[in-house]
Protein backbone atom coordinates (compact mmCIF):
# COMPACT_ATOMS: atom_id res chain seq x y z
CA MET A 1 20.35 -18.80 -15.77
CA SER A 2 16.59 -19.01 -16.23
CA PHE A 3 14.07 -19.53 -13.43
CA TYR A 4 12.66 -22.57 -15.24
CA LYS A 5 15.96 -24.40 -15.53
CA LYS A 6 16.65 -23.95 -11.82
CA GLN A 7 13.50 -25.82 -10.81
CA ASN A 8 13.37 -29.39 -9.56
CA SER A 9 13.09 -31.87 -12.47
CA SER A 10 9.99 -33.50 -10.97
CA ASN A 11 8.27 -30.09 -10.74
CA ILE A 12 9.15 -29.42 -14.38
CA ASP A 13 7.64 -32.80 -15.32
CA TYR A 14 4.43 -31.93 -13.47
CA TYR A 15 4.38 -28.54 -15.20
CA LYS A 16 4.64 -30.17 -18.61
CA LYS A 17 1.88 -32.66 -17.81
CA TYR A 18 -0.45 -29.93 -16.55
CA LEU A 19 0.15 -27.89 -19.71
CA GLN A 20 -0.37 -30.94 -21.91
CA LEU A 21 -3.63 -31.66 -20.12
CA ALA A 22 -4.88 -28.08 -20.51
CA GLY A 23 -3.85 -27.97 -24.17
CA SER A 24 -5.41 -31.34 -24.96
CA LEU A 25 -8.88 -29.88 -24.34
CA SER A 26 -8.45 -27.15 -26.97
CA GLN A 27 -11.13 -28.50 -29.28
CA LEU A 28 -13.72 -27.56 -26.72
CA PHE A 29 -13.17 -24.04 -28.02
CA SER A 30 -11.36 -24.16 -31.37
CA GLU A 31 -10.49 -26.42 -34.32
CA SER A 32 -7.01 -24.94 -34.71
CA LYS A 33 -3.90 -27.11 -34.49
CA ILE A 34 -2.43 -24.47 -32.18
CA PRO A 35 -3.46 -25.46 -28.64
CA LEU A 36 -5.36 -22.91 -26.59
CA LEU A 37 -4.22 -21.82 -23.14
CA TYR A 38 -6.27 -19.27 -21.24
CA TYR A 39 -3.96 -16.84 -19.45
CA ARG A 40 -5.51 -17.53 -16.04
CA ALA A 41 -4.98 -21.26 -16.59
CA ALA A 42 -1.31 -20.59 -17.43
CA GLU A 43 -0.89 -18.70 -14.15
CA LYS A 44 -2.62 -21.41 -12.10
CA VAL A 45 -0.61 -24.22 -13.70
CA PHE A 46 2.67 -22.36 -13.13
CA CYS A 47 1.95 -21.74 -9.45
CA LYS A 48 0.73 -25.29 -8.79
CA ALA A 49 3.69 -27.00 -10.45
CA PHE A 50 6.41 -24.77 -9.00
CA PHE A 51 4.82 -24.07 -5.58
CA ALA A 52 4.83 -20.36 -6.35
CA GLU A 53 2.53 -17.89 -4.64
CA ASP A 54 -0.38 -16.91 -6.89
CA ILE A 55 -0.78 -13.13 -6.74
CA SER A 56 -2.59 -12.74 -10.05
CA ARG A 57 -5.62 -11.20 -8.31
CA SER A 58 -3.47 -8.27 -7.18
CA ASP A 59 -3.16 -5.40 -9.62
CA ILE A 60 0.61 -5.31 -9.79
CA ALA A 61 3.26 -5.99 -12.42
CA VAL A 62 3.70 -9.74 -11.82
CA ASP A 63 1.42 -12.75 -11.42
CA ALA A 64 3.44 -15.00 -9.11
CA ARG A 65 6.24 -14.94 -6.58
CA LYS A 66 8.78 -17.62 -5.72
CA SER A 67 11.19 -16.66 -2.97
CA LYS A 68 12.64 -13.26 -3.97
CA THR A 69 11.63 -13.48 -7.65
CA GLY A 70 8.50 -12.03 -9.22
CA ILE A 71 7.15 -13.78 -12.30
CA GLY A 72 4.96 -12.32 -15.02
CA VAL A 73 3.30 -15.33 -16.67
CA LYS A 74 2.30 -14.74 -20.29
CA THR A 75 0.90 -16.89 -23.07
CA PHE A 76 0.61 -15.94 -26.73
CA ILE A 77 0.80 -17.34 -30.28
CA ILE A 78 4.26 -17.72 -31.76
CA GLY A 79 3.50 -15.52 -34.79
CA ASN A 80 6.65 -14.18 -36.46
CA LEU A 81 8.82 -14.78 -33.35
CA LYS A 82 8.88 -11.07 -32.50
CA THR A 83 5.37 -10.08 -31.52
CA PHE A 84 4.28 -7.17 -29.34
CA GLN A 85 2.44 -8.16 -26.16
CA LYS A 86 0.69 -6.04 -23.54
CA VAL A 87 2.75 -5.33 -20.42
CA ALA A 88 0.86 -2.42 -18.79
CA GLU A 89 -2.28 -0.30 -19.03
CA PHE A 90 -2.37 3.38 -18.09
CA ASN A 91 -5.94 4.48 -18.70
CA SER A 92 -6.43 5.80 -15.15
CA ALA A 93 -3.19 7.82 -15.44
CA LYS A 94 -4.07 9.39 -18.81
CA PRO A 95 -4.35 12.94 -17.38
CA LEU A 96 -0.69 12.72 -16.34
CA TYR A 97 0.67 12.30 -19.87
CA ASP A 98 -2.04 12.91 -22.48
CA LYS A 99 -1.41 16.63 -23.16
CA LYS A 100 2.38 16.54 -23.08
CA PRO A 101 4.61 16.95 -26.16
CA LEU A 102 5.65 13.65 -27.76
CA ASN A 103 9.08 13.23 -26.14
CA GLU A 104 7.76 14.22 -22.72
CA LYS A 105 4.78 11.91 -23.16
CA VAL A 106 7.03 8.92 -23.86
CA ALA A 107 9.21 9.81 -20.86
CA GLU A 108 6.13 10.08 -18.61
CA ILE A 109 4.69 6.76 -19.79
CA SER A 110 8.09 5.17 -19.17
CA ARG A 111 8.24 6.73 -15.71
CA LEU A 112 4.80 5.33 -14.92
CA ARG A 113 5.93 1.88 -16.02
CA ASN A 114 9.04 2.07 -13.84
CA GLU A 115 7.05 3.35 -10.83
CA ARG A 116 4.71 0.36 -11.08
CA ILE A 117 7.59 -2.10 -11.25
CA ALA A 118 9.17 -0.43 -8.20
CA PHE A 119 5.80 -0.53 -6.42
CA THR A 120 5.55 -4.27 -7.10
CA GLU A 121 9.07 -4.85 -5.76
CA ASN A 122 8.21 -2.95 -2.57
CA VAL A 123 4.88 -4.70 -2.02
CA LEU A 124 6.28 -8.22 -2.47
CA LEU A 125 9.83 -7.66 -1.15
CA ILE A 126 11.35 -9.16 -4.31
CA ASP A 127 14.83 -8.58 -5.75
CA LYS A 128 14.09 -9.19 -9.43
CA SER A 129 11.34 -10.11 -11.86
CA ILE A 130 11.12 -12.17 -15.05
CA TYR A 131 8.67 -12.96 -17.82
CA HIS A 132 7.83 -16.64 -18.12
CA CYS A 133 6.12 -17.14 -21.48
CA VAL A 134 4.22 -20.13 -22.80
CA VAL A 135 4.38 -19.53 -26.55
CA ARG A 136 1.72 -21.44 -28.47
CA SER A 137 2.73 -23.12 -31.71
CA GLU A 138 1.28 -25.92 -33.83
CA ASN A 139 0.75 -28.97 -31.57
CA LYS A 140 3.12 -27.69 -28.92
CA PHE A 141 3.91 -25.14 -26.24
CA CYS A 142 7.34 -23.48 -26.23
CA ILE A 143 8.85 -22.05 -23.04
CA PHE A 144 10.63 -18.71 -23.17
CA GLU A 145 11.99 -16.48 -20.39
CA GLU A 146 13.59 -13.06 -20.17
CA PRO A 147 14.09 -10.36 -17.50
CA LEU A 148 11.20 -8.04 -16.62
CA GLU A 149 13.05 -4.75 -16.73
CA LYS A 150 12.44 -1.09 -16.12
CA ILE A 151 12.68 1.22 -19.11
CA ASN A 152 15.99 3.05 -19.48
CA ILE A 153 14.49 6.51 -19.81
CA GLU A 154 17.80 8.25 -20.54
CA ASP A 155 18.44 5.89 -23.47
CA ILE A 156 15.06 6.22 -25.19
CA LYS A 157 15.42 6.80 -28.92
CA ASP A 158 13.74 6.26 -32.32
CA ILE A 159 10.42 7.71 -31.19
CA GLU A 160 7.87 7.40 -33.98
CA GLU A 161 4.22 8.39 -33.73
CA THR A 162 1.40 7.20 -35.94
CA LYS A 163 -2.32 7.85 -35.71
CA SER A 164 -2.81 4.86 -33.43
CA SER A 165 0.48 4.29 -31.60
CA ILE A 166 3.84 5.58 -30.40
CA HIS A 167 6.86 3.36 -31.05
CA PHE A 168 10.18 3.70 -29.20
CA ASN A 169 13.07 1.72 -27.74
CA ASP A 170 15.56 2.10 -24.90
CA CYS A 171 18.50 0.30 -26.59
CA VAL A 172 17.43 -2.93 -24.85
CA ASN A 173 13.72 -3.43 -25.60
CA GLU A 174 11.22 -2.15 -28.15
CA TYR A 175 7.90 -0.72 -27.01
CA SER A 176 4.69 0.40 -28.66
CA PHE A 177 2.10 2.48 -26.84
CA LEU A 178 -1.43 2.01 -28.19
CA LYS A 179 -3.12 5.38 -27.78
CA SER A 180 -6.78 4.36 -27.95
CA LYS A 181 -6.37 1.74 -25.22
CA SER A 182 -3.68 3.52 -23.17
CA THR A 183 -1.77 0.24 -23.31
CA LEU A 184 1.99 -0.29 -23.35
CA THR A 185 3.19 -3.30 -25.34
CA LYS A 186 6.69 -4.77 -25.56
CA ARG A 187 8.25 -6.78 -28.33
CA PHE A 188 9.11 -10.35 -27.29
CA VAL A 189 11.82 -11.79 -29.54
CA THR A 190 11.24 -15.54 -29.14
CA THR A 191 13.83 -16.94 -31.55
CA SER A 192 15.12 -19.50 -29.02
CA PHE A 193 13.31 -21.56 -26.38
CA ILE A 194 14.41 -23.29 -23.21
CA ASP A 195 11.92 -26.14 -23.60
CA GLU A 196 9.20 -27.48 -25.90
CA ILE A 197 6.13 -29.46 -24.85
CA ILE A 198 4.28 -31.60 -27.38
CA VAL A 199 0.49 -31.35 -27.03
CA ASP A 200 -1.86 -34.05 -28.31
CA ILE A 201 -5.13 -32.26 -28.92
CA LEU A 202 -8.08 -34.59 -28.25
CA ASP A 203 -10.52 -35.03 -31.12
CA ASP A 204 -13.40 -35.43 -28.66
CA PRO A 205 -12.53 -33.75 -25.36
CA LEU A 206 -16.10 -34.04 -24.09
CA GLU A 207 -15.91 -37.82 -24.31
CA ALA A 208 -12.66 -37.75 -22.32
CA LEU A 209 -14.31 -35.62 -19.62
CA LYS A 210 -17.28 -37.99 -19.58
CA LEU A 211 -14.95 -40.93 -18.91
CA LEU A 212 -13.47 -39.08 -15.94
CA ILE A 213 -16.92 -38.55 -14.46
CA ASN A 214 -17.95 -42.16 -15.10
CA ASN A 215 -14.83 -43.33 -13.27
CA ASN A 216 -16.00 -41.68 -10.05
CA PHE A 217 -13.97 -38.55 -10.65
CA LYS A 218 -14.80 -36.08 -7.90
CA ILE A 219 -14.57 -32.33 -8.27
CA ILE A 220 -12.71 -30.84 -5.33
CA ASN A 221 -14.45 -27.77 -4.00
CA THR A 222 -12.05 -24.93 -3.23
CA LYS A 223 -12.93 -22.88 -0.19
CA LYS A 224 -14.17 -19.43 -1.16
CA TYR A 225 -13.40 -16.41 0.96
CA GLU A 226 -15.64 -13.42 1.47
CA THR A 227 -14.10 -10.35 -0.14
CA ILE A 228 -14.61 -6.60 0.06
CA TYR A 229 -12.84 -3.59 -1.46
CA LEU A 230 -11.94 -0.40 0.40
CA PRO A 231 -11.03 2.87 -1.37
CA LEU A 232 -7.76 4.71 -0.76
CA TYR A 233 -9.34 8.02 -1.81
CA GLY A 234 -12.57 9.83 -0.97
CA GLN A 235 -15.23 11.70 -2.89
CA ASN A 236 -14.25 13.56 -6.07
CA LYS A 237 -11.13 11.39 -6.35
CA THR A 238 -9.42 13.18 -3.49
CA VAL A 239 -7.01 11.82 -0.91
CA PHE A 240 -7.98 14.01 2.02
CA GLU A 241 -5.10 15.90 3.58
CA LYS A 242 -5.97 15.28 7.23
CA SER A 243 -7.60 11.84 7.35
CA GLY A 244 -7.26 8.33 5.96
CA LEU A 245 -3.77 7.75 4.66
CA ASN A 246 -2.89 11.33 5.62
CA GLN A 247 -4.21 10.96 9.18
CA TRP A 248 -0.71 11.79 10.47
CA ASN A 249 -1.38 15.37 9.25
CA ALA A 250 -4.59 15.87 11.25
CA ALA A 251 -4.90 18.76 13.68
CA GLY A 252 -5.16 18.36 17.45
CA ARG A 253 -2.88 16.04 19.39
CA LYS A 254 0.67 15.25 18.33
CA ARG A 255 0.67 12.30 15.92
CA ASP A 256 3.27 9.84 14.71
CA ALA A 257 4.47 10.48 11.13
CA ASN A 258 3.20 7.01 10.15
CA GLU A 259 -0.26 7.22 11.75
CA VAL A 260 -2.84 6.27 9.10
CA TYR A 261 -6.04 4.35 8.62
CA ILE A 262 -7.82 2.87 5.62
CA PRO A 263 -11.36 4.30 5.41
CA ILE A 264 -14.29 1.88 5.66
CA PRO A 265 -17.31 3.52 3.99
CA ALA A 266 -20.62 3.14 5.84
CA ILE A 267 -22.07 1.30 2.81
CA ILE A 268 -19.57 -1.51 3.39
CA HIS A 269 -20.83 -2.09 6.93
CA LYS A 270 -24.41 -2.01 5.63
CA LEU A 271 -23.72 -4.58 2.90
CA PHE A 272 -21.37 -6.74 5.00
CA PRO A 273 -22.40 -6.25 8.65
CA ASN A 274 -20.47 -9.29 9.91
CA PHE A 275 -17.36 -9.01 7.78
CA PHE A 276 -15.11 -7.43 10.41
CA PRO A 277 -14.90 -8.23 14.14
CA ASP A 278 -16.42 -5.82 16.64
CA ARG A 279 -14.78 -2.46 17.23
CA ASP A 280 -11.27 -2.63 18.77
CA HIS A 281 -11.27 -6.45 18.61
CA PRO A 282 -7.82 -7.57 17.34
CA PHE A 283 -7.33 -9.66 14.20
CA ALA A 284 -4.42 -10.57 11.93
CA LEU A 285 -4.03 -8.65 8.68
CA ILE A 286 -1.69 -10.57 6.34
CA LEU A 287 0.30 -8.36 3.97
CA PRO A 288 1.28 -9.39 0.40
CA ASN A 289 4.86 -9.93 1.61
CA GLY A 290 3.65 -12.47 4.20
CA LYS A 291 4.06 -10.27 7.27
CA GLU A 292 1.13 -10.14 9.71
CA LEU A 293 -0.06 -6.95 11.41
CA GLN A 294 -2.29 -7.05 14.48
CA SER A 295 -5.14 -4.80 13.38
CA LYS A 296 -8.55 -3.51 14.39
CA VAL A 297 -11.62 -1.59 13.27
CA CYS A 298 -12.00 1.63 15.23
CA GLN A 299 -13.31 5.24 15.42
CA ALA A 300 -16.93 6.37 15.42
CA GLY A 301 -19.08 4.33 13.06
CA ASN A 302 -16.26 1.77 12.73
CA LYS A 303 -14.99 3.89 9.87
CA ALA A 304 -11.29 3.07 10.18
CA LEU A 305 -9.10 0.03 9.58
CA MET A 306 -5.88 0.50 11.54
CA SER A 307 -2.98 -1.55 12.81
CA TYR A 308 -2.99 -2.08 16.59
CA SER A 309 0.17 -0.03 16.74
CA ASN A 310 -1.21 2.93 14.82
CA LYS A 311 2.08 3.47 12.98
CA GLU A 312 2.78 -0.03 11.57
CA LEU A 313 0.23 0.21 8.75
CA GLY A 314 1.55 3.64 7.77
CA GLN A 315 5.15 2.46 7.87
CA TRP A 316 4.24 -0.29 5.42
CA ILE A 317 2.06 1.69 3.00
CA LEU A 318 3.65 5.15 3.11
CA ARG A 319 7.33 4.30 3.57
CA ASP A 320 8.00 0.71 2.47
CA VAL A 321 5.60 0.55 -0.49
CA LEU A 322 4.95 4.10 -1.71
CA GLU A 323 8.35 5.42 -0.60
CA LEU A 324 6.92 8.75 0.56
CA LYS A 325 9.09 10.89 2.80
CA GLU A 326 7.89 11.80 6.28
CA GLY A 327 5.69 14.86 5.96
CA GLU A 328 4.89 14.20 2.28
CA LEU A 329 1.16 14.01 1.56
CA LEU A 330 -0.27 11.11 -0.40
CA THR A 331 -2.13 12.50 -3.43
CA TYR A 332 -4.47 11.14 -6.06
CA ASP A 333 -1.75 11.87 -8.64
CA LYS A 334 0.49 9.41 -6.81
CA LEU A 335 -2.23 6.76 -6.90
CA GLN A 336 -2.71 7.41 -10.63
CA THR A 337 1.01 6.96 -11.15
CA ILE A 338 1.04 3.48 -9.64
CA GLY A 339 -2.47 2.66 -10.90
CA ILE A 340 -3.76 1.70 -7.46
CA GLY A 341 -6.97 3.07 -5.90
CA ALA A 342 -8.23 0.46 -3.45
CA VAL A 343 -7.33 -2.51 -1.32
CA ARG A 344 -8.97 -5.91 -1.49
CA ILE A 345 -9.61 -7.56 1.87
CA ASP A 346 -10.17 -11.33 1.91
CA LYS A 347 -11.66 -12.84 5.06
CA LEU A 348 -9.90 -16.16 5.71
CA ASP A 349 -11.69 -16.73 9.01
CA ASP A 350 -13.00 -14.62 11.89
CA LEU A 351 -9.52 -13.62 13.04
CA ARG A 352 -7.41 -13.69 9.85
CA TYR A 353 -7.64 -11.41 6.84
CA GLU A 354 -5.48 -10.80 3.76
CA ILE A 355 -4.90 -7.41 2.16
CA ASN A 356 -3.85 -6.77 -1.46
CA PHE A 357 -3.79 -3.69 -3.67
CA SER A 358 -6.35 -3.17 -6.46
CA LYS A 359 -6.48 -0.81 -9.40
CA ILE A 360 -8.34 2.49 -9.59
CA GLY A 361 -12.06 2.00 -10.20
CA LEU A 362 -12.40 -1.46 -8.68
CA PHE A 363 -14.08 -0.19 -5.50
CA GLU A 364 -16.72 1.60 -7.56
CA LYS A 365 -17.19 -1.47 -9.78
CA PHE A 366 -17.51 -3.66 -6.67
CA LEU A 367 -20.24 -1.44 -5.22
CA LYS A 368 -22.09 -1.30 -8.51
CA GLU A 369 -22.17 -5.09 -8.67
CA LYS A 370 -23.43 -5.34 -5.08
CA ILE A 371 -26.11 -2.66 -5.11
CA GLY A 372 -26.88 -2.49 -8.84
CA ARG A 373 -26.01 1.15 -9.39
């Protein structure tokens, strides 16, 4: 049974009204009879109506979580009822598959896809995932759902390569890998829907917005949190063997197999001198699965983010999420496989912080935006 049909009827009604409202404003951007729905708006509406956790800012395989279910929220035009839509991007992992023979390349891309789904399950502690699709048609939205599944690598067949793409299937789903964009797409066969929502597109949406303002409509300001990014690798795209997330392997005293820290570059302290509490001052670090770790900034130059018990952070990252064995080094190849190269830290208040994973390159992009180079 679908996720949507299991929801409370009043929540479904709210969901429909929110979608109708968003779609009614389409003529702000287009004259088409097919209502527009920006993908971020679709995610926000879904989470608000169904009280799901919005995790769309995390670079993982789903956009929302409700209980033990992960949800990938998608929106696209109905087309011919069997369109290909993007499900993953592997540009950062290109060195892992680019030079391989065709069959091996398809197997490697499929393995990368499966690793990222498994990574998402481990991060969020979910049992299953689905796609919830808002399919845009003339004057209406159609709701479609299907499982978000790993690729059955042993059953891959019908591999066909063209100049621009590689097409294959696993006896369950069809896939097309777009070579120039390093993007994996999947065919969504939307021949039947679980609900349809009629959308009345306003002829003059600006006038409708004006009426809201004239009727003392107040915009609610959402609290904004200060955010930084921390890299999981060092210079020259290297995960150092005896520090950071491989701190357990450092020489000297005997260390726990889970002893790690997340490096805090000196430039972060320079740009955000008051972001973290003082050295060794405890604060709560809230994980994506909701668990809280008592944590601290420590070591010379405040260069390390650690859990207060120096093995809890490592247990979570190395064992629960990355599924590395004790004694197995974390490598940059592993980060490429899952597409993750940084963590995003959101400061909720002086004693509470949230941590989420971010894709490779986001730390560098963040610094460039802050210092202009």
